[in-house]
Amino acid sequence: MVTIFVDADGCPVVNETISIAKKFKMPCTLICDTAHEMHRDGADTVIVSKGADAVDFVLVNKVNKGDIVVTQDYGLAAMVLAKQGHPIDQNGRRYTNDNIDQLLLARHTAQKIRMAGGRLKGPKKRSKESNEKFINSLRELCQFLLSQKQ
């Protein structure tokens, strides 16, 4: 059975993910640290100690082949891909073996610019359209995975 995991620290689509998991009768697990603790009906919650990448390591150890992971973390997405999972970001973009290297390189380059004292533009304000795109993309992914099981 496909499980949907959510890297829940700062995730803006937790409720939408739980709703879709219910619709497709897939278990949903939220993983967060003690600074972002949350509990929602319809989802299990795993709370981990606060620390750099603590949530990521717990999540990647729980994910199995075919599971879905909602995350905005490129490093975590790369680890999920290595385990043959299906990472998706909060805007509905699927991370794939075809785009992950480019995303990791962009992240590395941005870190180098910031460490050198440079400034970069932050993310755009979250829009209703972003939520709709995420919902549609996650639904499509769930439907695809369920059709593969038959």
Protein backbone atom coordinates (compact mmCIF):
# COMPACT_ATOMS: atom_id res chain seq x y z
CA MET A 1 0.00 0.00 0.00
CA VAL A 2 1.20 3.49 -0.89
CA THR A 3 1.74 5.80 2.08
CA ILE A 4 1.89 9.57 1.77
CA PHE A 5 4.54 11.16 3.99
CA VAL A 6 4.68 14.89 4.63
CA ASP A 7 7.83 16.77 5.58
CA ALA A 8 5.52 18.85 7.75
CA ASP A 9 7.90 21.52 9.09
CA GLY A 10 6.59 24.64 7.38
CA CYS A 11 4.56 22.73 4.78
CA PRO A 12 1.66 24.89 3.51
CA VAL A 13 -0.37 21.98 2.07
CA VAL A 14 -0.76 19.63 5.04
CA ASN A 15 -4.55 19.77 5.11
CA GLU A 16 -4.84 19.36 1.32
CA THR A 17 -2.55 16.33 1.45
CA ILE A 18 -4.58 14.67 4.21
CA SER A 19 -7.80 15.29 2.28
CA ILE A 20 -6.40 13.63 -0.85
CA ALA A 21 -4.96 10.72 1.16
CA LYS A 22 -8.44 10.10 2.62
CA LYS A 23 -10.03 10.23 -0.83
CA PHE A 24 -7.61 7.59 -2.15
CA LYS A 25 -7.68 5.58 1.12
CA MET A 26 -3.93 5.97 1.55
CA PRO A 27 -2.35 6.31 4.99
CA CYS A 28 -0.82 9.72 5.65
CA THR A 29 2.03 10.41 8.06
CA LEU A 30 3.18 13.87 9.10
CA ILE A 31 6.76 14.12 10.29
CA CYS A 32 7.78 17.26 12.15
CA ASP A 33 10.20 18.39 14.82
CA THR A 34 9.35 19.63 18.31
CA ALA A 35 9.42 23.27 17.14
CA HIS A 36 6.69 22.60 14.53
CA GLU A 37 4.61 20.00 16.34
CA MET A 38 1.18 19.43 14.80
CA HIS A 39 -1.62 16.90 14.94
CA ARG A 40 -4.37 16.54 12.36
CA ASP A 41 -7.35 14.21 12.09
CA GLY A 42 -6.79 11.66 9.35
CA ALA A 43 -3.02 11.51 9.70
CA ASP A 44 -0.48 9.91 12.00
CA THR A 45 2.15 12.25 13.39
CA VAL A 46 5.78 11.44 14.12
CA ILE A 47 7.58 14.06 16.18
CA VAL A 48 11.37 14.10 16.15
CA SER A 49 13.96 16.04 18.11
CA LYS A 50 14.75 19.47 16.80
CA GLY A 51 17.93 19.48 14.75
CA ALA A 52 19.34 20.01 11.30
CA ASP A 53 17.85 17.41 8.93
CA ALA A 54 16.38 15.35 11.79
CA VAL A 55 12.99 15.15 10.06
CA ASP A 56 14.64 14.26 6.75
CA PHE A 57 16.53 11.28 8.17
CA VAL A 58 13.52 9.87 9.99
CA LEU A 59 11.35 10.31 6.91
CA VAL A 60 13.81 8.70 4.48
CA ASN A 61 14.16 5.72 6.84
CA LYS A 62 10.37 5.23 6.87
CA VAL A 63 9.72 5.61 3.13
CA ASN A 64 9.37 2.52 0.96
CA LYS A 65 9.43 1.98 -2.77
CA GLY A 66 6.33 3.56 -4.31
CA ASP A 67 5.50 5.88 -1.39
CA ILE A 68 4.76 9.57 -1.94
CA VAL A 69 6.68 12.28 -0.07
CA VAL A 70 5.56 15.91 0.04
CA THR A 71 8.63 18.09 0.60
CA GLN A 72 10.26 21.28 -0.55
CA ASP A 73 13.73 19.95 0.35
CA TYR A 74 15.77 18.97 -2.72
CA GLY A 75 18.19 16.88 -0.66
CA LEU A 76 15.37 14.86 0.86
CA ALA A 77 13.76 14.50 -2.57
CA ALA A 78 17.02 13.05 -3.92
CA MET A 79 17.12 10.48 -1.12
CA VAL A 80 13.47 9.56 -1.73
CA LEU A 81 14.19 9.06 -5.44
CA ALA A 82 17.09 6.77 -4.52
CA LYS A 83 14.58 4.64 -2.59
CA GLN A 84 12.25 4.66 -5.62
CA GLY A 85 9.69 6.87 -3.92
CA HIS A 86 7.73 9.72 -5.51
CA PRO A 87 8.66 13.15 -4.12
CA ILE A 88 6.47 16.15 -4.94
CA ASP A 89 6.77 19.75 -3.78
CA GLN A 90 4.10 22.04 -2.31
CA ASN A 91 3.48 23.57 -5.74
CA GLY A 92 2.83 20.24 -7.46
CA ARG A 93 6.23 19.84 -9.12
CA ARG A 94 7.32 16.23 -9.24
CA TYR A 95 10.98 15.64 -8.49
CA THR A 96 12.41 13.13 -10.95
CA ASN A 97 15.74 11.62 -11.87
CA ASP A 98 15.67 14.00 -14.85
CA ASN A 99 15.41 17.24 -12.82
CA ILE A 100 16.94 16.54 -9.40
CA ASP A 101 20.59 17.13 -10.37
CA GLN A 102 19.75 20.55 -11.82
CA LEU A 103 17.76 21.49 -8.70
CA LEU A 104 20.56 20.39 -6.37
CA LEU A 105 23.08 22.39 -8.40
CA ALA A 106 20.88 25.49 -8.25
CA ARG A 107 20.59 25.08 -4.46
CA HIS A 108 24.37 24.70 -4.13
CA THR A 109 24.99 27.79 -6.26
CA ALA A 110 22.50 29.83 -4.21
CA GLN A 111 24.23 28.73 -0.98
CA LYS A 112 27.60 29.83 -2.37
CA ILE A 113 26.18 33.24 -3.30
CA ARG A 114 24.68 33.71 0.18
CA MET A 115 27.89 32.58 1.91
CA ALA A 116 29.81 35.15 -0.14
CA GLY A 117 27.49 37.88 1.17
CA GLY A 118 25.16 38.00 -1.81
CA ARG A 119 21.41 38.25 -1.57
CA LEU A 120 18.80 36.38 -3.53
CA LYS A 121 15.09 36.97 -4.01
CA GLY A 122 12.91 34.96 -1.67
CA PRO A 123 10.00 32.81 -2.75
CA LYS A 124 6.83 34.43 -4.07
CA LYS A 125 3.82 34.73 -1.78
CA ARG A 126 1.73 31.55 -1.81
CA SER A 127 -1.26 31.80 -4.12
CA LYS A 128 -4.57 30.00 -4.44
CA GLU A 129 -3.36 28.79 -7.85
CA SER A 130 -0.32 27.15 -6.20
CA ASN A 131 -2.65 25.16 -3.93
CA GLU A 132 -4.83 24.13 -6.87
CA LYS A 133 -1.80 23.05 -8.88
CA PHE A 134 -0.55 20.98 -5.94
CA ILE A 135 -3.95 19.33 -5.42
CA ASN A 136 -4.27 18.42 -9.10
CA SER A 137 -0.73 17.09 -9.31
CA LEU A 138 -1.03 14.98 -6.14
CA ARG A 139 -4.38 13.58 -7.32
CA GLU A 140 -2.86 12.62 -10.67
CA LEU A 141 0.08 10.95 -8.94
CA CYS A 142 -2.22 8.97 -6.62
CA GLN A 143 -4.41 7.87 -9.55
CA PHE A 144 -1.32 6.81 -11.53
CA LEU A 145 0.12 4.79 -8.64
CA LEU A 146 -3.20 3.08 -7.96
CA SER A 147 -3.57 2.18 -11.65
CA GLN A 148 -0.09 0.58 -11.53
CA LYS A 149 -1.18 -1.71 -8.67
CA GLN A 150 -4.05 -3.21 -10.67
